[in-house]
Every structure is written in C-alpha cells, then in structure tokens.
PDB file of all heavy atoms in Angstrom:
ATOM      1  N   PRO A   1     225.368 110.266  32.033  1.00  0.00           N
ATOM      2  CA  PRO A   1     223.942 110.360  31.674  1.00  0.00           C
ATOM      3  C   PRO A   1     223.072 109.250  32.254  1.00  0.00           C
ATOM      4  O   PRO A   1     221.856 109.388  32.299  1.00  0.00           O
ATOM      5  CB  PRO A   1     223.956 110.301  30.143  1.00  0.00           C
ATOM      6  CG  PRO A   1     225.260 109.695  29.771  1.00  0.00           C
ATOM      7  CD  PRO A   1     226.217 110.040  30.863  1.00  0.00           C
ATOM      8  N   GLU A   2     223.683 108.168  32.718  1.00  0.00           N
ATOM      9  CA  GLU A   2     222.898 107.055  33.267  1.00  0.00           C
ATOM     10  C   GLU A   2     222.426 107.328  34.696  1.00  0.00           C
ATOM     11  O   GLU A   2     221.502 106.681  35.183  1.00  0.00           O
ATOM     12  CB  GLU A   2     223.714 105.753  33.235  1.00  0.00           C
ATOM     13  CG  GLU A   2     224.831 105.667  34.268  1.00  0.00           C
ATOM     14  CD  GLU A   2     226.066 106.520  33.958  1.00  0.00           C
ATOM     15  OE1 GLU A   2     226.175 107.063  32.842  1.00  0.00           O
ATOM     16  OE2 GLU A   2     226.907 106.679  34.851  1.00  0.00           O
ATOM     17  N   GLN A   3     223.017 108.300  35.385  1.00  0.00           N
ATOM     18  CA  GLN A   3     222.642 108.542  36.778  1.00  0.00           C
ATOM     19  C   GLN A   3     221.315 109.283  36.859  1.00  0.00           C
ATOM     20  O   GLN A   3     220.902 109.973  35.941  1.00  0.00           O
ATOM     21  CB  GLN A   3     223.742 109.303  37.516  1.00  0.00           C
ATOM     22  CG  GLN A   3     223.701 110.810  37.343  1.00  0.00           C
ATOM     23  CD  GLN A   3     224.633 111.520  38.287  1.00  0.00           C
ATOM     24  OE1 GLN A   3     224.813 111.103  39.412  1.00  0.00           O
ATOM     25  NE2 GLN A   3     225.240 112.585  37.814  1.00  0.00           N
ATOM     26  N   ARG A   4     220.640 109.120  37.991  1.00  0.00           N
ATOM     27  CA  ARG A   4     219.384 109.822  38.230  1.00  0.00           C
ATOM     28  C   ARG A   4     219.696 111.304  38.422  1.00  0.00           C
ATOM     29  O   ARG A   4     220.675 111.660  39.091  1.00  0.00           O
ATOM     30  CB  ARG A   4     218.697 109.280  39.467  1.00  0.00           C
ATOM     31  CG  ARG A   4     218.301 107.827  39.333  1.00  0.00           C
ATOM     32  CD  ARG A   4     217.848 107.312  40.649  1.00  0.00           C
ATOM     33  NE  ARG A   4     216.440 106.979  40.542  1.00  0.00           N
ATOM     34  CZ  ARG A   4     215.720 106.550  41.551  1.00  0.00           C
ATOM     35  NH1 ARG A   4     216.254 106.423  42.730  1.00  0.00           N
ATOM     36  NH2 ARG A   4     214.457 106.244  41.374  1.00  0.00           N
ATOM     37  N   ILE A   5     218.839 112.147  37.896  1.00  0.00           N
ATOM     38  CA  ILE A   5     219.089 113.590  37.965  1.00  0.00           C
ATOM     39  C   ILE A   5     219.128 114.078  39.410  1.00  0.00           C
ATOM     40  O   ILE A   5     219.867 114.994  39.755  1.00  0.00           O
ATOM     41  CB  ILE A   5     218.063 114.376  37.124  1.00  0.00           C
ATOM     42  CG1 ILE A   5     218.558 115.787  36.878  1.00  0.00           C
ATOM     43  CG2 ILE A   5     216.684 114.365  37.769  1.00  0.00           C
ATOM     44  CD1 ILE A   5     217.823 116.518  35.792  1.00  0.00           C
ATOM     45  N   GLY A   6     218.370 113.438  40.293  1.00  0.00           N
ATOM     46  CA  GLY A   6     218.368 113.822  41.697  1.00  0.00           C
ATOM     47  C   GLY A   6     219.659 113.494  42.426  1.00  0.00           C
ATOM     48  O   GLY A   6     219.892 113.955  43.535  1.00  0.00           O
ATOM     49  N   ARG A   7     220.503 112.703  41.826  1.00  0.00           N
ATOM     50  CA  ARG A   7     221.787 112.330  42.427  1.00  0.00           C
ATOM     51  C   ARG A   7     222.912 113.294  42.034  1.00  0.00           C
ATOM     52  O   ARG A   7     224.015 113.190  42.547  1.00  0.00           O
ATOM     53  CB  ARG A   7     222.196 110.913  42.006  1.00  0.00           C
ATOM     54  CG  ARG A   7     221.273 109.856  42.538  1.00  0.00           C
ATOM     55  CD  ARG A   7     221.659 109.560  43.941  1.00  0.00           C
ATOM     56  NE  ARG A   7     220.815 108.496  44.455  1.00  0.00           N
ATOM     57  CZ  ARG A   7     220.460 108.435  45.706  1.00  0.00           C
ATOM     58  NH1 ARG A   7     220.857 109.332  46.554  1.00  0.00           N
ATOM     59  NH2 ARG A   7     219.694 107.464  46.127  1.00  0.00           N
ATOM     60  N   ALA A   8     222.644 114.190  41.107  1.00  0.00           N
ATOM     61  CA  ALA A   8     223.685 115.124  40.660  1.00  0.00           C
ATOM     62  C   ALA A   8     224.067 116.055  41.810  1.00  0.00           C
ATOM     63  O   ALA A   8     223.210 116.535  42.549  1.00  0.00           O
ATOM     64  CB  ALA A   8     223.193 115.934  39.469  1.00  0.00           C
ATOM     65  N   ASP A   9     225.358 116.303  41.954  1.00  0.00           N
ATOM     66  CA  ASP A   9     225.854 117.173  43.018  1.00  0.00           C
ATOM     67  C   ASP A   9     225.862 118.611  42.510  1.00  0.00           C
ATOM     68  O   ASP A   9     226.613 118.954  41.606  1.00  0.00           O
ATOM     69  CB  ASP A   9     227.268 116.739  43.416  1.00  0.00           C
ATOM     70  CG  ASP A   9     227.772 117.499  44.629  1.00  0.00           C
ATOM     71  OD1 ASP A   9     226.974 118.244  45.240  1.00  0.00           O
ATOM     72  OD2 ASP A   9     228.957 117.345  44.962  1.00  0.00           O
ATOM     73  N   LEU A  10     225.028 119.444  43.093  1.00  0.00           N
ATOM     74  CA  LEU A  10     224.901 120.827  42.647  1.00  0.00           C
ATOM     75  C   LEU A  10     225.727 121.800  43.476  1.00  0.00           C
ATOM     76  O   LEU A  10     225.849 122.960  43.115  1.00  0.00           O
ATOM     77  CB  LEU A  10     223.431 121.262  42.693  1.00  0.00           C
ATOM     78  CG  LEU A  10     222.454 120.420  41.881  1.00  0.00           C
ATOM     79  CD1 LEU A  10     221.054 120.996  41.998  1.00  0.00           C
ATOM     80  CD2 LEU A  10     222.861 120.328  40.442  1.00  0.00           C
ATOM     81  N   LEU A  11     226.275 121.334  44.590  1.00  0.00           N
ATOM     82  CA  LEU A  11     226.979 122.235  45.493  1.00  0.00           C
ATOM     83  C   LEU A  11     228.439 122.402  45.097  1.00  0.00           C
ATOM     84  O   LEU A  11     229.091 121.452  44.677  1.00  0.00           O
ATOM     85  CB  LEU A  11     226.893 121.711  46.922  1.00  0.00           C
ATOM     86  CG  LEU A  11     225.480 121.584  47.495  1.00  0.00           C
ATOM     87  CD1 LEU A  11     225.537 121.005  48.885  1.00  0.00           C
ATOM     88  CD2 LEU A  11     224.767 122.918  47.489  1.00  0.00           C
ATOM     89  N   ALA A  12     228.941 123.618  45.254  1.00  0.00           N
ATOM     90  CA  ALA A  12     230.351 123.911  44.984  1.00  0.00           C
ATOM     91  C   ALA A  12     231.193 123.450  46.171  1.00  0.00           C
ATOM     92  O   ALA A  12     230.672 123.150  47.242  1.00  0.00           O
ATOM     93  CB  ALA A  12     230.544 125.406  44.752  1.00  0.00           C
ATOM     94  N   ASP A  13     232.493 123.414  45.965  1.00  0.00           N
ATOM     95  CA  ASP A  13     233.412 123.046  47.043  1.00  0.00           C
ATOM     96  C   ASP A  13     233.157 123.951  48.254  1.00  0.00           C
ATOM     97  O   ASP A  13     233.070 125.158  48.140  1.00  0.00           O
ATOM     98  CB  ASP A  13     234.866 123.193  46.591  1.00  0.00           C
ATOM     99  CG  ASP A  13     235.228 122.205  45.494  1.00  0.00           C
ATOM    100  OD1 ASP A  13     234.532 121.181  45.368  1.00  0.00           O
ATOM    101  OD2 ASP A  13     236.204 122.466  44.760  1.00  0.00           O
ATOM    102  N   GLY A  14     233.023 123.371  49.392  1.00  0.00           N
ATOM    103  CA  GLY A  14     232.835 124.138  50.615  1.00  0.00           C
ATOM    104  C   GLY A  14     231.377 124.422  50.953  1.00  0.00           C
ATOM    105  O   GLY A  14     231.059 124.683  52.108  1.00  0.00           O
ATOM    106  N   GLU A  15     230.479 124.408  49.961  1.00  0.00           N
ATOM    107  CA  GLU A  15     229.074 124.710  50.246  1.00  0.00           C
ATOM    108  C   GLU A  15     228.429 123.642  51.127  1.00  0.00           C
ATOM    109  O   GLU A  15     227.661 123.965  52.030  1.00  0.00           O
ATOM    110  CB  GLU A  15     228.269 124.855  48.952  1.00  0.00           C
ATOM    111  CG  GLU A  15     228.513 126.143  48.224  1.00  0.00           C
ATOM    112  CD  GLU A  15     227.679 126.271  46.965  1.00  0.00           C
ATOM    113  OE1 GLU A  15     227.441 125.261  46.270  1.00  0.00           O
ATOM    114  OE2 GLU A  15     227.256 127.404  46.666  1.00  0.00           O
ATOM    115  N   ARG A  16     228.727 122.390  50.862  1.00  0.00           N
ATOM    116  CA  ARG A  16     228.134 121.313  51.660  1.00  0.00           C
ATOM    117  C   ARG A  16     228.567 121.439  53.122  1.00  0.00           C
ATOM    118  O   ARG A  16     227.766 121.335  54.036  1.00  0.00           O
ATOM    119  CB  ARG A  16     228.520 119.952  51.097  1.00  0.00           C
ATOM    120  CG  ARG A  16     227.947 118.802  51.927  1.00  0.00           C
ATOM    121  CD  ARG A  16     228.058 117.454  51.257  1.00  0.00           C
ATOM    122  NE  ARG A  16     226.998 117.326  50.268  1.00  0.00           N
ATOM    123  CZ  ARG A  16     227.160 117.493  48.957  1.00  0.00           C
ATOM    124  NH1 ARG A  16     228.331 117.750  48.464  1.00  0.00           N
ATOM    125  NH2 ARG A  16     226.149 117.388  48.132  1.00  0.00           N
ATOM    126  N   ALA A  17     229.854 121.667  53.336  1.00  0.00           N
ATOM    127  CA  ALA A  17     230.354 121.809  54.704  1.00  0.00           C
ATOM    128  C   ALA A  17     229.706 123.008  55.386  1.00  0.00           C
ATOM    129  O   ALA A  17     229.338 122.948  56.562  1.00  0.00           O
ATOM    130  CB  ALA A  17     231.869 121.952  54.702  1.00  0.00           C
ATOM    131  N   ALA A  18     229.542 124.106  54.654  1.00  0.00           N
ATOM    132  CA  ALA A  18     228.906 125.294  55.232  1.00  0.00           C
ATOM    133  C   ALA A  18     227.445 125.019  55.581  1.00  0.00           C
ATOM    134  O   ALA A  18     226.946 125.455  56.619  1.00  0.00           O
ATOM    135  CB  ALA A  18     229.010 126.469  54.267  1.00  0.00           C
ATOM    136  N   LEU A  19     226.745 124.282  54.724  1.00  0.00           N
ATOM    137  CA  LEU A  19     225.345 123.964  54.986  1.00  0.00           C
ATOM    138  C   LEU A  19     225.194 123.005  56.161  1.00  0.00           C
ATOM    139  O   LEU A  19     224.283 123.146  56.978  1.00  0.00           O
ATOM    140  CB  LEU A  19     224.694 123.347  53.739  1.00  0.00           C
ATOM    141  CG  LEU A  19     224.400 124.303  52.600  1.00  0.00           C
ATOM    142  CD1 LEU A  19     223.931 123.544  51.378  1.00  0.00           C
ATOM    143  CD2 LEU A  19     223.340 125.313  53.011  1.00  0.00           C
ATOM    144  N   LEU A  20     226.075 122.032  56.234  1.00  0.00           N
ATOM    145  CA  LEU A  20     225.975 121.052  57.302  1.00  0.00           C
ATOM    146  C   LEU A  20     226.486 121.594  58.627  1.00  0.00           C
ATOM    147  O   LEU A  20     226.127 121.095  59.687  1.00  0.00           O
ATOM    148  CB  LEU A  20     226.740 119.778  56.931  1.00  0.00           C
ATOM    149  CG  LEU A  20     226.142 118.981  55.769  1.00  0.00           C
ATOM    150  CD1 LEU A  20     227.050 117.828  55.398  1.00  0.00           C
ATOM    151  CD2 LEU A  20     224.749 118.493  56.115  1.00  0.00           C
ATOM    152  N   GLY A  21     227.330 122.617  58.574  1.00  0.00           N
ATOM    153  CA  GLY A  21     227.836 123.236  59.787  1.00  0.00           C
ATOM    154  C   GLY A  21     228.488 122.242  60.732  1.00  0.00           C
ATOM    155  O   GLY A  21     228.304 122.311  61.931  1.00  0.00           O
ATOM    156  N   GLY A  22     229.223 121.296  60.178  1.00  0.00           N
ATOM    157  CA  GLY A  22     229.904 120.317  60.994  1.00  0.00           C
ATOM    158  C   GLY A  22     229.078 119.091  61.312  1.00  0.00           C
ATOM    159  O   GLY A  22     229.551 118.170  61.951  1.00  0.00           O
ATOM    160  N   HIS A  23     227.832 119.046  60.874  1.00  0.00           N
ATOM    161  CA  HIS A  23     226.999 117.872  61.116  1.00  0.00           C
ATOM    162  C   HIS A  23     227.329 116.782  60.102  1.00  0.00           C
ATOM    163  O   HIS A  23     227.859 117.050  59.035  1.00  0.00           O
ATOM    164  CB  HIS A  23     225.510 118.231  60.994  1.00  0.00           C
ATOM    165  CG  HIS A  23     225.074 119.238  62.002  1.00  0.00           C
ATOM    166  ND1 HIS A  23     224.923 118.925  63.334  1.00  0.00           N
ATOM    167  CD2 HIS A  23     224.774 120.546  61.885  1.00  0.00           C
ATOM    168  CE1 HIS A  23     224.539 120.006  63.988  1.00  0.00           C
ATOM    169  NE2 HIS A  23     224.445 121.006  63.132  1.00  0.00           N
ATOM    170  N   ARG A  24     226.972 115.551  60.453  1.00  0.00           N
ATOM    171  CA  ARG A  24     227.181 114.431  59.540  1.00  0.00           C
ATOM    172  C   ARG A  24     226.253 114.574  58.341  1.00  0.00           C
ATOM    173  O   ARG A  24     225.118 115.032  58.473  1.00  0.00           O
ATOM    174  CB  ARG A  24     226.845 113.111  60.230  1.00  0.00           C
ATOM    175  CG  ARG A  24     227.783 112.716  61.316  1.00  0.00           C
ATOM    176  CD  ARG A  24     227.473 111.316  61.844  1.00  0.00           C
ATOM    177  NE  ARG A  24     226.188 110.778  61.471  1.00  0.00           N
ATOM    178  CZ  ARG A  24     225.181 110.585  62.300  1.00  0.00           C
ATOM    179  NH1 ARG A  24     225.297 110.892  63.564  1.00  0.00           N
ATOM    180  NH2 ARG A  24     224.050 110.077  61.888  1.00  0.00           N
TER     181      ARG A  24
END
C-alpha cells in the first residue's frame, strides 16, 4: 500500500514482451 498507484504492474506475464516487441 505504500507504493504509488502509477507504479503498479498491470500487465500479465508475456504482455510486456508482446507490447515491447523485443525493444528495451
């Protein structure tokens, strides 16, 4: 609860990699 709400990770496993498409 101490973390900023904007820092919460909303993506499921694999979604970040799919969105980044291999980019950093």
